[in-house]
């Protein structure tokens, strides 16, 4: 034993004499934290699709040849702007014919009225019989009905003529336009969509338990609940954040039995038209957790399907414990729901390098 020690000392002297560094035992220190309770805001994220608050599908109400396409895809339009023109010649002829028939009916009504008034005057003088009076009255009523019928026909023809010019029903932006001038269209032909984009909906699904456990579960009516919910953010697919915040403005009253979720809509202002219908992204709902155990995210070691935290024992050694977490990070901290107690001392910095039972130096 002494021989081995002497040889080791001699080797060390030789290495030192040769100017070589001798490896030294390096003690690693770890940062620790005493577990306590505090409040934290967690960003719950949900996939969402944007839609204009008044998206209107444009289809013609009359059949005919499309004479003019007055807009282009992506164009901003105002309510009443002309979008399409359909060949109106047949509609114009129908209107003129209906108006001519109406004039004839009006003349017939005037004549029948005179006959009725004359018969009424003669009857009062005892010259005409009751039969003649009743017959004249019936003729007059028939003429009135005929006039009303032709008036309705003329009105319908006028409306159909108006349908030949298709205008924007709302302010918004034009979607795809799959038709061209010269196409034959009818009431089933899709022309375009006008997306009313002054405000945009982001539709997403929320777990029922989230609303019950992590929001104002004491509020029963929907209107008060919506008012109490926080402002939300919208993230584009590339991670960029939309600069204006939105509000959750509707929650469906029924739960989807298959998924156990409620459908929500968040409304975002869109004054510059930077949001478009069909854009997919993420709605971020900040939910505040009160009086919960919060630990740094890097203190939790992931091992397959388990989450471990190293707790420092009375002997200053670290021992792993399995913990349960909410699963959503604030970006820096996690909420621990089981596995730790208030007052426990855990390793934060360097937890990934620990070995079970390793002494932790303070």
Protein backbone atom coordinates (compact mmCIF):
# COMPACT_ATOMS: atom_id res chain seq x y z
CA UNK A 1 0.00 0.00 0.00
CA UNK A 2 2.81 2.34 0.91
CA UNK A 3 4.58 1.41 -2.30
CA UNK A 4 1.53 2.41 -4.35
CA UNK A 5 1.28 5.72 -2.51
CA UNK A 6 4.98 6.45 -3.07
CA UNK A 7 4.66 5.60 -6.75
CA UNK A 8 1.66 7.88 -7.06
CA UNK A 9 3.49 10.74 -5.33
CA UNK A 10 6.53 10.17 -7.53
CA UNK A 11 4.36 10.21 -10.65
CA UNK A 12 2.76 13.44 -9.50
CA UNK A 13 6.19 14.98 -8.94
CA UNK A 14 7.30 13.89 -12.40
CA UNK A 15 4.17 15.38 -14.00
CA UNK A 16 4.66 18.60 -12.09
CA UNK A 17 8.29 18.73 -13.01
CA UNK A 18 7.36 18.28 -16.64
CA UNK A 19 5.06 21.29 -16.44
CA UNK A 20 1.87 19.27 -16.90
CA UNK A 21 -1.36 20.16 -15.05
CA UNK A 22 -2.55 17.60 -12.56
CA UNK A 23 -6.35 17.04 -12.65
CA UNK A 24 -8.01 18.29 -9.49
CA UNK A 25 -11.34 17.34 -8.00
CA UNK A 26 -13.81 20.12 -8.83
CA UNK A 27 -16.84 20.53 -6.64
CA UNK A 28 -19.99 21.61 -8.43
CA UNK A 29 -22.41 23.91 -6.63
CA UNK A 30 -26.15 23.92 -7.24
CA UNK A 31 -28.74 26.61 -6.80
CA UNK A 32 -31.71 25.70 -4.64
CA UNK A 33 -35.14 27.12 -3.98
CA UNK A 34 -37.60 26.80 -1.11
CA UNK A 35 -41.01 25.94 -2.54
CA UNK A 36 -43.76 28.44 -1.80
CA UNK A 37 -47.11 29.46 -3.24
CA UNK A 38 -47.74 32.47 -5.45
CA UNK A 39 -49.89 33.73 -8.32
CA UNK A 40 -48.97 33.14 -11.96
CA UNK A 41 -50.50 33.87 -15.37
CA UNK A 42 -50.39 30.97 -17.82
CA UNK A 43 -50.83 31.41 -21.60
CA UNK A 44 -53.39 28.82 -22.73
CA UNK A 45 -53.09 28.43 -26.50
CA UNK A 46 -55.74 27.28 -28.97
CA UNK A 47 -55.64 26.75 -32.72
CA UNK A 48 -57.99 29.16 -34.46
CA UNK A 49 -59.20 30.22 -37.90
CA UNK A 50 -60.08 33.80 -38.74
CA UNK A 51 -63.34 34.79 -40.34
CA UNK A 52 -64.89 38.16 -41.09
CA UNK A 53 -67.70 39.18 -38.76
CA UNK A 54 -69.97 39.55 -41.79
CA UNK A 55 -68.66 37.23 -44.51
CA UNK A 56 -71.24 37.21 -47.30
CA UNK A 57 -71.29 34.70 -50.16
CA UNK A 58 -72.27 36.39 -53.41
CA UNK A 59 -74.54 34.44 -55.78
CA UNK A 60 -76.81 35.84 -58.53
CA UNK A 61 -80.56 35.91 -58.02
CA UNK A 62 -81.31 35.77 -61.74
CA UNK A 63 -79.93 33.72 -64.61
CA UNK A 64 -78.12 35.19 -67.56
CA UNK A 65 -74.82 35.97 -69.16
CA UNK A 66 -72.24 37.72 -67.00
CA UNK A 67 -71.47 40.93 -68.87
CA UNK A 68 -68.97 42.60 -66.54
CA UNK A 69 -66.77 41.73 -63.56
CA UNK A 70 -66.17 45.02 -61.78
CA UNK A 71 -63.84 43.90 -58.99
CA UNK A 72 -60.59 42.00 -58.49
CA UNK A 73 -59.55 39.53 -55.81
CA UNK A 74 -58.38 41.19 -52.62
CA UNK A 75 -60.00 44.52 -53.48
CA UNK A 76 -61.46 46.60 -50.65
CA UNK A 77 -65.07 47.59 -51.36
CA UNK A 78 -67.75 49.67 -49.70
CA UNK A 79 -71.37 48.71 -49.24
CA UNK A 80 -73.23 49.47 -52.49
CA UNK A 81 -70.20 49.23 -54.79
CA UNK A 82 -70.99 47.39 -58.05
CA UNK A 83 -69.41 43.92 -58.18
CA UNK A 84 -70.94 42.26 -61.27
CA UNK A 85 -73.33 43.06 -64.09
CA UNK A 86 -75.56 40.42 -65.71
CA UNK A 87 -77.16 40.87 -69.15
CA UNK A 88 -80.27 42.88 -68.34
CA UNK A 89 -81.96 43.02 -71.76
CA UNK A 90 -84.47 40.24 -71.08
CA UNK A 91 -85.23 41.66 -67.66
CA UNK A 92 -85.77 45.10 -69.19
CA UNK A 93 -88.22 43.67 -71.75
CA UNK A 94 -90.10 41.81 -69.03
CA UNK A 95 -90.41 45.00 -67.05
CA UNK A 96 -91.69 46.97 -70.02
CA UNK A 97 -94.25 44.25 -70.81
CA UNK A 98 -95.39 44.15 -67.19
CA UNK A 99 -95.71 47.92 -67.10
CA UNK A 100 -97.82 47.88 -70.31
CA UNK A 101 -100.14 45.24 -68.84
CA UNK A 102 -100.39 47.33 -65.69
CA UNK A 103 -101.47 50.38 -67.71
CA UNK A 104 -104.18 48.30 -69.42
CA UNK A 105 -105.35 47.00 -66.05
CA UNK A 106 -105.47 50.52 -64.64
CA UNK A 107 -107.62 51.65 -67.59
CA UNK A 108 -109.92 48.67 -67.11
CA UNK A 109 -110.22 49.47 -63.43
CA UNK A 110 -111.13 53.08 -64.19
CA UNK A 111 -113.86 51.98 -66.60
CA UNK A 112 -115.24 49.45 -64.12
CA UNK A 113 -115.26 52.11 -61.43
CA UNK A 114 -117.32 54.44 -63.63
CA UNK A 115 -119.78 51.63 -64.42
CA UNK A 116 -120.15 50.83 -60.74
CA UNK A 117 -120.71 54.47 -59.74
CA UNK A 118 -123.30 54.88 -62.54
CA UNK A 119 -125.16 51.72 -61.50
CA UNK A 120 -125.10 52.87 -57.88
CA UNK A 121 -126.59 56.25 -58.86
CA UNK A 122 -129.35 54.61 -60.95
CA UNK A 123 -130.12 52.14 -58.19
CA UNK A 124 -130.54 54.97 -55.68
CA UNK A 125 -133.03 56.62 -58.08
CA UNK A 126 -134.91 53.36 -58.47
CA UNK A 127 -134.07 53.03 -62.14
CA UNK A 128 -131.53 50.13 -61.94
CA UNK A 129 -132.14 46.80 -60.22
CA UNK A 130 -130.10 45.38 -57.37
CA UNK A 131 -128.79 42.74 -59.75
CA UNK A 132 -127.31 45.38 -62.05
CA UNK A 133 -125.69 47.14 -59.07
CA UNK A 134 -124.16 43.95 -57.72
CA UNK A 135 -122.89 42.94 -61.15
CA UNK A 136 -121.23 46.34 -61.65
CA UNK A 137 -119.65 46.12 -58.22
CA UNK A 138 -118.25 42.66 -58.96
CA UNK A 139 -116.78 43.88 -62.24
CA UNK A 140 -115.12 46.75 -60.41
CA UNK A 141 -113.63 44.45 -57.75
CA UNK A 142 -112.36 42.11 -60.43
CA UNK A 143 -110.70 45.03 -62.21
CA UNK A 144 -109.09 46.10 -58.94
CA UNK A 145 -107.73 42.59 -58.37
CA UNK A 146 -106.41 42.44 -61.93
CA UNK A 147 -104.67 45.77 -61.47
CA UNK A 148 -103.08 44.56 -58.19
CA UNK A 149 -101.87 41.41 -59.93
CA UNK A 150 -100.26 43.32 -62.78
CA UNK A 151 -98.76 45.76 -60.28
CA UNK A 152 -97.08 42.84 -58.47
CA UNK A 153 -95.81 41.50 -61.80
CA UNK A 154 -94.34 44.87 -62.67
CA UNK A 155 -92.73 45.15 -59.24
CA UNK A 156 -91.22 41.69 -59.60
CA UNK A 157 -89.87 42.54 -63.04
CA UNK A 158 -88.33 45.72 -61.64
CA UNK A 159 -86.69 43.77 -58.83
CA UNK A 160 -85.33 41.20 -61.30
CA UNK A 161 -83.89 44.02 -63.37
CA UNK A 162 -82.18 45.33 -60.25
CA UNK A 163 -80.74 41.87 -59.59
CA UNK A 164 -78.81 42.18 -62.85
CA UNK A 165 -76.53 44.65 -61.09
CA UNK A 166 -74.91 42.93 -58.10
CA UNK A 167 -73.58 45.25 -55.39
CA UNK A 168 -71.60 44.74 -52.19
CA UNK A 169 -73.94 44.11 -49.23
CA UNK A 170 -71.29 45.14 -46.67
CA UNK A 171 -67.96 46.92 -46.44
CA UNK A 172 -65.18 44.39 -46.83
CA UNK A 173 -62.59 42.69 -48.95
CA UNK A 174 -63.19 40.55 -52.02
CA UNK A 175 -62.29 36.87 -51.90
CA UNK A 176 -61.59 34.62 -54.87
CA UNK A 177 -63.46 35.41 -58.11
CA UNK A 178 -63.81 32.17 -60.12
CA UNK A 179 -65.99 33.62 -62.93
CA UNK A 180 -65.29 35.72 -66.00
CA UNK A 181 -67.25 38.05 -68.26
CA UNK A 182 -69.18 35.93 -70.75
CA UNK A 183 -69.91 33.08 -68.32
CA UNK A 184 -73.50 31.88 -68.04
CA UNK A 185 -74.62 32.11 -64.42
CA UNK A 186 -77.69 31.13 -62.39
CA UNK A 187 -78.86 31.25 -58.80
CA UNK A 188 -76.45 28.48 -57.76
CA UNK A 189 -73.31 30.02 -59.26
CA UNK A 190 -70.69 31.12 -56.72
CA UNK A 191 -69.36 34.53 -57.75
CA UNK A 192 -67.21 35.60 -54.79
CA UNK A 193 -67.27 36.33 -51.08
CA UNK A 194 -67.20 39.75 -49.46
CA UNK A 195 -65.50 39.50 -46.11
CA UNK A 196 -66.63 42.24 -43.76
CA UNK A 197 -63.22 42.71 -42.19
CA UNK A 198 -63.59 45.76 -39.96
CA UNK A 199 -63.64 43.16 -37.20
CA UNK A 200 -62.53 39.55 -37.42
CA UNK A 201 -63.64 36.41 -35.57
CA UNK A 202 -61.12 33.84 -34.40
CA UNK A 203 -63.01 30.61 -33.78
CA UNK A 204 -61.51 28.00 -31.46
CA UNK A 205 -62.50 25.20 -29.08
CA UNK A 206 -61.95 25.29 -25.31
CA UNK A 207 -62.11 22.38 -22.89
CA UNK A 208 -65.10 22.58 -20.58
CA UNK A 209 -62.80 21.97 -17.60
CA UNK A 210 -60.75 25.05 -18.46
CA UNK A 211 -63.81 27.26 -18.09
CA UNK A 212 -64.97 25.51 -14.95
CA UNK A 213 -61.64 25.20 -13.11
CA UNK A 214 -59.55 28.08 -14.34
CA UNK A 215 -61.97 30.88 -15.08
CA UNK A 216 -64.76 32.57 -13.16
CA UNK A 217 -66.73 29.39 -12.41
CA UNK A 218 -68.85 31.28 -9.87
CA UNK A 219 -70.38 33.35 -12.67
CA UNK A 220 -73.39 31.60 -14.15
CA UNK A 221 -74.69 33.87 -16.94
CA UNK A 222 -72.71 34.00 -20.17
CA UNK A 223 -72.76 37.78 -20.53
CA UNK A 224 -71.09 38.32 -17.16
CA UNK A 225 -68.57 35.56 -17.85
CA UNK A 226 -67.55 37.12 -21.17
CA UNK A 227 -67.10 40.49 -19.47
CA UNK A 228 -64.89 38.93 -16.79
CA UNK A 229 -62.59 37.05 -19.20
CA UNK A 230 -59.23 38.67 -20.04
CA UNK A 231 -58.12 40.18 -23.33
CA UNK A 232 -56.63 37.64 -25.74
CA UNK A 233 -53.84 37.70 -28.32
CA UNK A 234 -53.59 36.25 -31.82
CA UNK A 235 -50.38 34.66 -33.09
CA UNK A 236 -49.80 34.00 -36.78
CA UNK A 237 -48.36 30.66 -37.91
CA UNK A 238 -44.86 32.16 -38.12
CA UNK A 239 -45.08 33.15 -34.46
CA UNK A 240 -45.61 36.87 -35.09
CA UNK A 241 -48.09 38.52 -32.73
CA UNK A 242 -50.97 40.62 -34.03
CA UNK A 243 -50.51 44.04 -32.39
CA UNK A 244 -54.15 44.55 -31.32
CA UNK A 245 -55.75 42.48 -28.58
CA UNK A 246 -59.18 40.90 -28.86
CA UNK A 247 -62.04 39.84 -26.64
CA UNK A 248 -63.88 36.53 -26.32
CA UNK A 249 -67.36 37.56 -27.46
CA UNK A 250 -69.28 34.29 -27.65
CA UNK A 251 -69.32 30.84 -26.09
CA UNK A 252 -71.63 28.08 -27.32
CA UNK A 253 -74.19 26.97 -24.79
CA UNK A 254 -73.66 23.26 -25.45
CA UNK A 255 -70.69 20.96 -25.04
CA UNK A 256 -69.55 18.76 -27.91
CA UNK A 257 -70.06 15.26 -26.47
CA UNK A 258 -67.32 13.81 -28.66
CA UNK A 259 -64.55 16.26 -27.73
CA UNK A 260 -65.85 17.72 -24.46
CA UNK A 261 -65.22 21.23 -25.77
CA UNK A 262 -67.07 24.47 -26.18
CA UNK A 263 -66.74 26.63 -29.28
CA UNK A 264 -65.61 30.19 -28.60
CA UNK A 265 -65.19 33.23 -30.78
CA UNK A 266 -62.73 36.01 -30.09
CA UNK A 267 -63.28 39.31 -31.90
CA UNK A 268 -60.26 41.34 -33.03
CA UNK A 269 -60.37 44.88 -34.42
CA UNK A 270 -58.98 45.09 -37.96
CA UNK A 271 -58.78 48.79 -38.85
CA UNK A 272 -55.94 48.39 -41.37
CA UNK A 273 -57.26 45.20 -42.99
CA UNK A 274 -54.21 43.20 -41.90
CA UNK A 275 -56.31 40.16 -40.98
CA UNK A 276 -57.94 37.99 -43.64
CA UNK A 277 -60.63 35.33 -43.59
CA UNK A 278 -59.23 31.82 -43.59
CA UNK A 279 -55.93 32.74 -41.91
CA UNK A 280 -54.95 30.13 -39.33
CA UNK A 281 -53.08 30.85 -36.14
CA UNK A 282 -53.26 30.65 -32.37
CA UNK A 283 -55.42 32.44 -29.83
CA UNK A 284 -53.61 32.97 -26.53
CA UNK A 285 -55.85 33.23 -23.46
CA UNK A 286 -53.98 34.38 -20.31
CA UNK A 287 -55.46 32.48 -17.35
CA UNK A 288 -54.42 33.57 -13.86
CA UNK A 289 -53.67 30.80 -11.36
CA UNK A 290 -53.85 31.98 -7.75
CA UNK A 291 -52.02 30.59 -4.69
CA UNK A 292 -50.29 27.70 -6.47
CA UNK A 293 -46.87 26.10 -6.13
CA UNK A 294 -44.59 27.62 -8.77
CA UNK A 295 -41.15 26.25 -9.66
CA UNK A 296 -38.68 27.27 -12.38
CA UNK A 297 -39.16 25.33 -15.59
CA UNK A 298 -35.51 24.21 -15.67
CA UNK A 299 -35.92 22.62 -12.21
CA UNK A 300 -38.17 19.95 -13.74
CA UNK A 301 -36.34 17.05 -15.40
CA UNK A 302 -38.28 15.16 -18.05
CA UNK A 303 -37.71 11.40 -18.05
CA UNK A 304 -39.84 9.65 -20.64
CA UNK A 305 -43.41 10.23 -19.45
CA UNK A 306 -42.41 11.37 -15.98
CA UNK A 307 -41.53 14.76 -14.53
CA UNK A 308 -38.90 14.74 -11.79
CA UNK A 309 -37.72 17.35 -9.33
CA UNK A 310 -34.66 16.87 -7.10
CA UNK A 311 -35.54 17.59 -3.48
CA UNK A 312 -32.74 18.23 -1.00
CA UNK A 313 -32.90 16.01 2.06
CA UNK A 314 -31.69 16.66 5.60
CA UNK A 315 -28.35 15.08 4.69
CA UNK A 316 -27.82 17.74 1.98
CA UNK A 317 -28.24 15.08 -0.71
CA UNK A 318 -30.63 15.36 -3.64
CA UNK A 319 -33.32 12.77 -4.19
CA UNK A 320 -35.72 12.72 -7.14
CA UNK A 321 -39.47 12.94 -6.65
CA UNK A 322 -42.15 12.54 -9.28
CA UNK A 323 -44.32 15.63 -9.67
CA UNK A 324 -47.41 16.54 -11.64
CA UNK A 325 -47.56 19.86 -13.45
CA UNK A 326 -50.25 21.82 -15.25
CA UNK A 327 -48.34 21.23 -18.49
CA UNK A 328 -48.37 24.85 -19.57
CA UNK A 329 -45.40 27.09 -18.86
CA UNK A 330 -45.42 30.83 -18.40
CA UNK A 331 -42.20 30.74 -20.42
CA UNK A 332 -40.12 30.57 -17.27
CA UNK A 333 -42.12 28.82 -14.52
CA UNK A 334 -44.36 25.80 -14.10
CA UNK A 335 -47.23 25.09 -11.72
CA UNK A 336 -46.77 21.91 -9.64
CA UNK A 337 -50.02 20.28 -8.56
CA UNK A 338 -48.63 17.28 -6.64
CA UNK A 339 -45.36 15.72 -5.45
CA UNK A 340 -44.06 18.71 -3.48
CA UNK A 341 -45.03 20.53 -0.32
CA UNK A 342 -44.61 24.14 0.65
CA UNK A 343 -41.23 24.49 2.40
CA UNK A 344 -39.48 21.74 0.42
CA UNK A 345 -36.03 22.69 -0.85
CA UNK A 346 -35.40 21.75 -4.48
CA UNK A 347 -32.48 22.04 -6.87
CA UNK A 348 -33.02 24.57 -9.65
CA UNK A 349 -29.79 25.29 -11.55
CA UNK A 350 -27.95 22.10 -12.54
CA UNK A 351 -30.81 19.68 -11.92
CA UNK A 352 -30.14 17.91 -15.23
CA UNK A 353 -26.61 16.99 -14.08
CA UNK A 354 -27.59 15.44 -10.74
CA UNK A 355 -27.25 11.79 -9.81
CA UNK A 356 -29.62 10.21 -7.32
CA UNK A 357 -28.31 10.72 -3.78
CA UNK A 358 -25.59 13.14 -4.84
CA UNK A 359 -24.51 15.57 -2.16
CA UNK A 360 -25.54 19.12 -2.91
CA UNK A 361 -23.10 21.78 -1.78
CA UNK A 362 -24.56 25.03 -0.56
